[in-house]
Protein backbone atom coordinates (compact mmCIF):
# COMPACT_ATOMS: atom_id res chain seq x y z
CA MET A 1 -20.38 -30.88 -0.86
CA LYS A 2 -17.78 -32.39 1.14
CA ILE A 3 -13.62 -33.25 0.56
CA ASP A 4 -13.00 -36.44 -1.24
CA PRO A 5 -9.03 -37.16 -0.58
CA ARG A 6 -9.95 -39.89 -3.22
CA LYS A 7 -10.23 -37.54 -6.32
CA ARG A 8 -7.50 -35.82 -8.20
CA THR A 9 -8.30 -32.54 -7.89
CA PRO A 10 -6.04 -31.25 -5.12
CA LEU A 11 -7.34 -30.91 -1.48
CA HIS A 12 -7.09 -27.10 -1.63
CA ARG A 13 -8.94 -26.53 -4.77
CA GLN A 14 -11.69 -28.84 -3.06
CA VAL A 15 -11.86 -26.58 -0.34
CA ALA A 16 -11.73 -24.00 -2.27
CA ASP A 17 -15.08 -24.97 -4.77
CA ILE A 18 -17.18 -25.46 -1.16
CA LEU A 19 -16.47 -21.92 -0.13
CA ARG A 20 -17.13 -20.73 -3.80
CA THR A 21 -20.50 -22.32 -4.00
CA GLU A 22 -21.52 -21.31 -0.61
CA ILE A 23 -20.77 -17.77 -1.71
CA SER A 24 -22.50 -17.99 -5.03
CA ALA A 25 -25.64 -20.05 -2.99
CA GLY A 26 -26.06 -16.82 -0.75
CA LYS A 27 -25.05 -18.96 2.59
CA LEU A 28 -21.83 -16.45 2.54
CA LYS A 29 -22.81 -13.23 2.49
CA VAL A 30 -20.51 -10.03 1.31
CA ASP A 31 -18.65 -8.38 3.83
CA GLN A 32 -19.43 -11.75 6.22
CA ARG A 33 -16.84 -12.88 8.14
CA ILE A 34 -15.59 -16.26 6.96
CA ASP A 35 -14.85 -19.34 9.93
CA SER A 36 -10.98 -19.10 10.82
CA HIS A 37 -8.25 -21.12 9.16
CA THR A 38 -8.22 -23.63 12.20
CA THR A 39 -11.77 -23.91 12.08
CA LEU A 40 -11.87 -24.47 8.22
CA ALA A 41 -9.38 -27.14 8.95
CA ASN A 42 -11.08 -28.91 11.15
CA LYS A 43 -14.44 -28.60 9.69
CA HIS A 44 -13.08 -30.00 6.13
CA GLY A 45 -10.56 -32.33 7.92
CA VAL A 46 -7.86 -31.04 6.01
CA SER A 47 -4.19 -28.84 6.88
CA LEU A 48 -3.75 -25.61 7.88
CA ILE A 49 -1.80 -25.24 4.87
CA THR A 50 -4.39 -26.62 2.56
CA VAL A 51 -7.07 -24.05 3.80
CA LYS A 52 -4.09 -21.32 3.71
CA ARG A 53 -4.12 -22.20 -0.40
CA ALA A 54 -7.40 -22.57 -0.62
CA LEU A 55 -7.97 -18.95 0.55
CA ASN A 56 -5.45 -17.19 -1.06
CA ASP A 57 -7.12 -18.60 -4.27
CA LEU A 58 -10.03 -17.03 -3.69
CA ILE A 59 -8.24 -13.65 -2.81
CA ARG A 60 -6.98 -13.81 -6.26
CA GLU A 61 -10.03 -14.51 -7.91
CA GLY A 62 -11.47 -11.52 -5.77
CA LEU A 63 -14.10 -13.37 -3.77
CA LEU A 64 -12.56 -12.74 -0.74
CA TYR A 65 -10.53 -10.36 0.82
CA SER A 66 -8.32 -10.40 3.72
CA ARG A 67 -8.05 -7.52 6.33
CA VAL A 68 -4.99 -7.29 8.62
CA GLY A 69 -5.64 -8.80 11.80
CA LYS A 70 -9.09 -9.08 11.42
CA GLY A 71 -9.60 -12.06 9.02
CA THR A 72 -11.24 -12.99 5.58
CA PHE A 73 -14.35 -11.77 4.27
CA VAL A 74 -16.11 -12.05 1.30
CA GLN A 75 -15.31 -9.76 -1.56
CA ARG A 76 -18.22 -10.61 -3.93
CA ARG A 77 -20.69 -13.12 -5.40
CA PRO A 78 -19.17 -15.27 -8.68
CA SER A 79 -21.45 -13.79 -10.65
CA ALA A 80 -20.44 -10.24 -9.70
CA GLN A 81 -18.28 -7.92 -12.37
CA THR A 82 -14.75 -9.59 -13.17
CA VAL A 83 -11.58 -8.24 -10.88
CA PRO A 84 -8.31 -8.00 -12.11
CA GLY A 85 -7.72 -11.77 -9.79
CA THR A 86 -4.58 -13.67 -10.86
CA ARG A 87 -4.11 -12.01 -14.01
CA SER A 88 -2.98 -9.07 -12.25
CA ILE A 89 0.47 -8.02 -10.27
CA GLY A 90 0.50 -5.12 -7.66
CA LEU A 91 4.00 -3.39 -7.51
CA VAL A 92 4.03 -1.17 -4.58
CA LEU A 93 6.89 1.64 -4.79
CA ARG A 94 8.46 4.17 -2.60
CA ASP A 95 9.32 6.50 -5.20
CA LEU A 96 8.16 6.17 -8.83
CA LYS A 97 10.78 8.84 -9.45
CA SER A 98 13.41 7.03 -8.15
CA PRO A 99 16.33 7.04 -10.38
CA PHE A 100 17.21 3.31 -8.70
CA PHE A 101 13.83 1.63 -9.21
CA SER A 102 12.14 3.44 -12.33
CA PRO A 103 14.67 0.99 -14.99
CA ILE A 104 13.10 -1.82 -12.70
CA VAL A 105 9.17 -0.81 -13.41
CA HIS A 106 10.21 -0.56 -16.76
CA SER A 107 11.29 -4.36 -16.58
CA VAL A 108 8.43 -5.55 -14.63
CA GLU A 109 5.98 -4.24 -16.74
CA GLU A 110 7.62 -5.52 -19.72
CA TYR A 111 8.05 -9.04 -18.36
CA ALA A 112 4.88 -9.27 -16.97
CA SER A 113 3.33 -8.14 -19.91
CA CYS A 114 5.04 -10.87 -22.08
CA LYS A 115 3.40 -13.32 -19.62
CA GLY A 116 0.19 -12.12 -20.09
CA TYR A 117 -0.06 -10.08 -16.67
CA ASN A 118 -1.58 -6.29 -16.07
CA VAL A 119 0.68 -4.21 -13.61
CA LEU A 120 -1.27 -1.93 -11.22
CA ILE A 121 1.71 0.42 -9.92
CA SER A 122 1.59 2.43 -6.67
CA ASN A 123 3.55 5.14 -5.01
CA SER A 124 3.91 4.51 -1.07
CA ALA A 125 5.87 8.15 -1.35
CA GLU A 126 8.42 7.02 1.06
CA LYS A 127 5.45 6.76 4.14
CA LYS A 128 5.44 3.52 5.64
CA ASP A 129 1.46 3.88 6.80
CA LYS A 130 0.60 4.33 3.13
CA GLU A 131 2.97 1.24 2.02
CA GLU A 132 0.98 -0.78 4.79
CA SER A 133 -2.49 0.76 3.05
CA LEU A 134 -1.61 -0.21 -0.35
CA LEU A 135 -0.38 -4.27 0.39
CA GLN A 136 -4.11 -4.39 2.16
CA HIS A 137 -5.71 -2.68 -0.51
CA TYR A 138 -4.08 -5.27 -3.24
CA LEU A 139 -5.01 -7.97 -0.87
CA GLU A 140 -8.41 -6.75 -0.79
CA ILE A 141 -9.12 -6.14 -4.72
CA GLY A 142 -7.08 -9.78 -4.93
CA VAL A 143 -4.23 -9.24 -7.54
CA GLY A 144 -2.12 -12.81 -8.47
CA GLY A 145 0.35 -11.36 -6.23
CA ILE A 146 2.70 -8.50 -5.27
CA ILE A 147 5.89 -6.98 -5.75
CA LEU A 148 7.32 -4.18 -3.14
CA ALA A 149 10.46 -2.04 -2.77
CA SER A 150 10.02 -1.11 0.76
CA MET A 151 10.53 2.33 1.54
CA THR A 152 12.18 1.52 5.55
CA HIS A 153 15.89 1.36 5.77
CA GLU A 154 15.10 -0.75 8.73
CA TYR A 155 15.55 -4.01 6.00
CA SER A 156 13.08 -6.23 7.74
CA ALA A 157 9.83 -7.52 7.03
CA SER A 158 7.37 -4.86 8.30
CA HIS A 159 4.32 -6.38 10.09
CA ALA A 160 1.90 -5.65 6.99
CA LEU A 161 4.62 -7.47 5.03
CA ARG A 162 4.86 -10.38 7.69
CA THR A 163 0.89 -10.64 8.06
CA ILE A 164 0.78 -11.17 4.02
CA HIS A 165 4.02 -14.09 4.07
CA ASP A 166 2.40 -15.77 6.96
CA MET A 167 -0.80 -15.99 4.51
CA ASN A 168 1.64 -17.70 1.69
CA TYR A 169 0.63 -14.51 -0.17
CA PRO A 170 2.42 -14.45 -3.06
CA CYS A 171 5.12 -11.31 -2.41
CA VAL A 172 8.55 -10.44 -3.60
CA MET A 173 10.83 -7.81 -2.32
CA VAL A 174 13.04 -5.59 -5.17
CA SER A 175 14.48 -3.71 -2.43
CA TYR A 176 17.18 -5.39 0.35
CA VAL A 177 15.56 -7.46 2.85
CA LYS A 178 17.56 -9.34 5.76
CA ASP A 179 14.57 -11.62 6.54
CA PRO A 180 15.78 -14.72 5.35
CA ASP A 181 12.16 -16.64 4.98
CA ILE A 182 11.17 -13.32 2.72
CA TYR A 183 11.42 -14.15 -1.06
CA PHE A 184 13.32 -11.28 -2.67
CA VAL A 185 15.36 -10.32 -5.82
CA GLY A 186 17.99 -8.54 -5.98
CA THR A 187 22.15 -7.44 -6.09
CA ASP A 188 25.02 -8.58 -4.22
CA HIS A 189 25.68 -5.83 -2.76
CA GLU A 190 28.59 -7.06 -0.74
CA GLN A 191 30.42 -8.72 -3.60
CA GLY A 192 29.86 -5.03 -5.39
CA GLY A 193 31.63 -3.18 -2.46
CA TYR A 194 34.08 -5.58 -3.52
CA LEU A 195 34.54 -4.82 -7.47
CA ALA A 196 34.69 -1.27 -6.73
CA ALA A 197 37.48 -1.51 -4.21
CA ARG A 198 39.31 -4.39 -6.88
CA HIS A 199 38.81 -1.81 -9.73
CA LEU A 200 40.48 0.70 -7.37
CA LEU A 201 43.11 -1.56 -6.59
CA ASP A 202 43.99 -2.64 -9.93
CA LEU A 203 44.24 0.85 -11.07
CA GLY A 204 47.16 1.09 -8.35
CA PHE A 205 45.65 3.15 -5.88
CA ARG A 206 46.49 2.17 -2.29
CA ASP A 207 44.79 4.87 -0.11
CA ILE A 208 41.50 4.57 -1.21
CA GLY A 209 38.46 5.86 1.53
CA TYR A 210 34.51 4.87 1.92
CA VAL A 211 31.54 6.73 2.66
CA ASN A 212 29.14 4.56 3.69
CA GLY A 213 25.16 5.39 4.11
CA GLU A 214 23.43 6.97 7.03
CA THR A 215 23.96 5.49 11.03
CA GLY A 216 22.26 2.05 10.85
CA ASN A 217 21.83 0.86 7.00
CA VAL A 218 22.46 -2.57 6.80
CA VAL A 219 23.27 -2.21 3.12
CA GLY A 220 26.00 0.50 3.10
CA ASP A 221 27.77 -2.01 5.60
CA LEU A 222 27.38 -4.73 3.21
CA ARG A 223 29.26 -3.24 0.22
CA LYS A 224 31.90 -1.81 2.95
CA LYS A 225 32.45 -5.18 3.99
CA GLY A 226 33.20 -6.57 0.45
CA PHE A 227 35.15 -3.09 0.45
CA ILE A 228 37.30 -3.97 2.97
CA ARG A 229 37.64 -8.26 2.05
CA ALA A 230 39.00 -6.63 -1.14
CA LEU A 231 41.72 -4.40 0.69
CA GLN A 232 42.90 -7.36 3.06
CA GLU A 233 43.13 -9.79 0.27
CA ALA A 234 45.46 -7.24 -1.58
CA ALA A 235 47.33 -6.59 1.23
CA VAL A 236 46.67 -2.80 1.72
CA PRO A 237 45.80 -1.05 4.69
CA VAL A 238 42.40 -0.26 5.84
CA ARG A 239 42.39 3.53 6.43
CA GLU A 240 39.50 4.21 8.82
CA LYS A 241 40.22 7.81 9.15
CA PHE A 242 39.32 7.69 5.30
CA PHE A 243 35.86 6.24 6.03
CA PHE A 244 32.70 8.90 6.24
CA ARG A 245 29.13 8.59 7.10
CA LEU A 246 26.36 10.23 5.08
CA ARG A 247 24.49 12.50 7.66
CA LEU A 248 21.00 11.86 6.22
CA GLY A 249 18.53 9.04 5.44
CA GLY A 250 16.99 8.71 2.54
CA GLU A 251 17.51 8.62 -1.66
CA TRP A 252 17.25 12.16 -1.98
CA ASN A 253 19.13 13.57 0.78
CA ASP A 254 21.95 11.56 -0.46
CA TYR A 255 23.37 13.94 -3.31
CA ASN A 256 23.21 16.74 -0.46
CA SER A 257 24.65 14.70 1.96
CA GLY A 258 27.41 13.54 -0.73
CA TYR A 259 28.11 17.26 -1.30
CA GLU A 260 28.56 17.76 2.57
CA VAL A 261 31.03 14.95 2.74
CA GLY A 262 33.11 16.25 -0.42
CA GLU A 263 33.30 19.77 1.33
CA GLU A 264 34.78 17.39 4.53
CA PHE A 265 37.18 15.97 2.26
CA TRP A 266 38.67 18.79 0.75
CA LYS A 267 39.05 20.01 4.20
CA LEU A 268 41.42 17.20 4.99
CA ALA A 269 45.25 18.15 5.60
CA VAL A 270 46.04 14.47 3.90
CA ARG A 271 43.46 13.26 1.69
CA PRO A 272 42.75 9.45 -0.12
CA ALA A 273 43.41 9.16 -3.24
CA ALA A 274 40.46 7.43 -4.49
CA MET A 275 37.23 7.03 -3.04
CA PHE A 276 34.43 4.40 -3.13
CA LEU A 277 31.04 6.13 -2.41
CA TYR A 278 28.03 3.89 -0.71
CA ASN A 279 25.69 5.08 -3.78
CA ASP A 280 25.74 7.04 -7.42
CA LEU A 281 23.34 10.03 -6.07
CA SER A 282 25.85 10.31 -2.79
CA ALA A 283 28.98 9.80 -5.00
CA LEU A 284 27.37 12.69 -7.64
CA GLY A 285 27.25 14.97 -4.94
CA PHE A 286 30.83 14.40 -3.87
CA GLU A 287 31.87 14.78 -7.32
CA GLN A 288 30.20 18.38 -7.39
CA ALA A 289 31.80 19.52 -4.18
CA VAL A 290 35.39 18.53 -4.61
CA LEU A 291 34.98 20.01 -8.43
CA ASP A 292 33.66 23.60 -6.58
CA HIS A 293 36.48 23.87 -4.76
CA GLY A 294 38.83 23.32 -7.89
CA LEU A 295 39.86 19.67 -7.48
CA SER A 296 40.54 17.61 -10.61
CA ILE A 297 39.02 14.05 -10.99
CA PRO A 298 40.00 11.29 -11.23
CA ASP A 299 44.14 13.06 -11.04
CA ASP A 300 43.33 14.70 -7.14
CA VAL A 301 40.73 12.22 -6.24
CA ALA A 302 38.88 8.76 -8.00
CA LEU A 303 35.36 8.34 -7.65
CA VAL A 304 33.67 4.91 -7.77
CA GLY A 305 29.57 4.84 -7.01
CA PHE A 306 27.51 2.19 -6.62
CA ASP A 307 23.79 1.89 -8.63
CA GLY A 308 24.43 2.49 -12.26
CA ILE A 309 21.68 5.13 -12.82
CA GLU A 310 21.38 7.18 -15.98
CA ARG A 311 22.44 10.41 -14.30
CA GLY A 312 26.01 9.48 -13.67
CA GLN A 313 26.88 9.10 -17.34
CA TYR A 314 26.26 12.77 -18.05
CA ALA A 315 27.95 14.17 -14.91
CA PRO A 316 30.52 16.76 -15.46
CA VAL A 317 33.10 14.12 -14.56
CA PRO A 318 31.47 10.90 -16.46
CA LEU A 319 31.16 8.25 -13.08
CA THR A 320 32.41 4.73 -12.74
CA THR A 321 30.02 2.92 -11.39
CA VAL A 322 28.79 -0.43 -9.97
CA GLN A 323 26.32 -1.44 -11.75
CA GLN A 324 23.13 -3.51 -10.33
CA PRO A 325 21.12 -5.59 -12.87
CA PHE A 326 18.07 -3.57 -13.17
CA GLU A 327 16.56 -5.52 -15.85
CA LYS A 328 17.45 -9.01 -14.50
CA ILE A 329 15.83 -8.01 -11.13
CA GLY A 330 12.21 -6.84 -13.07
CA SER A 331 12.31 -9.76 -15.11
CA LEU A 332 13.42 -12.17 -12.27
CA ALA A 333 11.11 -11.03 -9.50
CA VAL A 334 7.91 -11.24 -12.16
CA GLU A 335 9.09 -14.76 -12.74
CA ASN A 336 9.73 -15.66 -9.31
CA LEU A 337 6.04 -14.03 -7.99
CA ILE A 338 4.13 -16.06 -11.17
CA LYS A 339 6.03 -19.25 -9.68
CA ARG A 340 4.48 -18.67 -6.33
CA ILE A 341 1.24 -17.76 -7.71
CA GLU A 342 0.94 -21.34 -9.94
CA HIS A 343 2.80 -23.00 -6.61
CA GLU A 344 5.60 -23.76 -8.51
CA PRO A 345 9.04 -24.52 -6.45
CA VAL A 346 10.75 -21.07 -6.27
CA ASN A 347 14.04 -19.89 -4.46
CA ILE A 348 13.61 -17.40 -1.32
CA LYS A 349 16.65 -15.39 -2.39
CA THR A 350 17.90 -14.89 -6.01
CA VAL A 351 21.12 -12.92 -5.68
CA LEU A 352 22.82 -11.40 -8.77
CA GLU A 353 26.27 -10.19 -9.45
CA PRO A 354 26.63 -6.73 -10.12
CA ASN A 355 29.50 -5.33 -12.61
CA ILE A 356 31.71 -2.39 -12.76
CA VAL A 357 31.06 0.04 -15.65
CA VAL A 358 34.15 2.50 -15.85
CA ARG A 359 34.15 5.86 -16.98
CA ALA A 360 36.22 9.34 -16.83
CA SER A 361 36.18 9.20 -12.68
CA THR A 362 38.85 6.18 -12.45
CA ARG A 363 41.84 5.58 -14.74
CA VAL A 364 45.42 4.26 -14.70
CA ARG A 365 47.59 6.14 -13.01
CA GLU A 366 50.78 5.82 -15.00
CA GLY A 367 53.62 4.29 -12.84
CA ASP A 368 52.01 3.73 -10.55
CA ARG A 369 51.16 0.71 -11.26
CA VAL A 370 51.00 -2.78 -9.18
CA ARG A 371 50.16 -6.35 -8.81
CA PRO A 372 46.59 -6.32 -9.42
CA ALA A 373 43.77 -7.70 -6.77
CA ALA A 374 42.72 -11.15 -5.78
CA SER A 375 40.26 -12.06 -8.53
CA SER A 376 36.68 -12.00 -7.36
CA ARG A 377 34.63 -15.43 -6.02
CA ARG A 378 31.55 -15.94 -7.49
CA HIS A 379 29.01 -15.78 -4.94
CA VAL A 380 26.13 -18.18 -4.82
CA HIS A 381 22.78 -17.36 -2.88
CA ALA A 382 19.72 -19.11 -3.09
CA GLY A 383 17.37 -20.49 -0.82
CA SER A 384 14.92 -23.27 -1.59
CA LYS A 385 11.07 -22.56 -0.72
């Protein structure tokens, strides 16, 4: 078989058909390494992109598998048992019990099922090496694409993710990633910080503090940026002395770290009247600490968290929060991944606006109303493929 540019069949499908025939005939044997992308491109007179698309199609069919840094190998012959292939999606999470990611999992499963896709779920247990091995596993079994919630707080593509991306293998992140070329569906964190501060300003608060994530937490810094922007627009002083950081990294440390900050807050001679906290877990820990020391919420301090996890509404003082659109994140991640699988155009970055859910941890301070803060500006973030 030879490539025929005059055919209506796309070139990448012609290349895939040739390789499929060679595998079926036994010319390429199981576990045999096939030629490099460059060699195949020269051999068939096509571009590297065409070769990558052909190989990706065969990987998704389960005929080939890729080993990071080692090449592409024959997985099976076409007559062998069928594997999930293009009708399956791999979902890699850092923790299946996470109160943040569990509603996203539900949305992914529900939307994928509606689209006729199965979802294979794996837990990286917050271990980077396990995350990378799971990505490799999904490549080898030939799932159609991967949705990833990375465990790293570096917020940049790992070596394994970068390799997958460079292969043009469909993958979408649902945890924040700062690389401009990595596909992502998630929340506008800066705008969320802005909304939190604006809510407190609208209630009349002027002395407002912020509890950031651990040092190096990019998402926490984005939320801080929006928070400061709202204060500056309202001509309210930014009081750095009321800024704190969580001591420990990792989601399951956030409650304890928030509790530690709450104890530090209680010891202050002069306290801010309101606090915006990096996330709901740290806010709940902070809340418990100040309640344990006899302070009242929101009379002594008003609190706003971030995420919108279910636990917040059942706290001793139900928590006002910046709610992330979990359902939309999950469904749009699936939608964008399917577009990538089917080689359709899709935005690289899909950034969604959060919203404020007001509960008992904030309320209007009677007799202390002020002019409302400036209205939020809707941000549109979208990079095209």
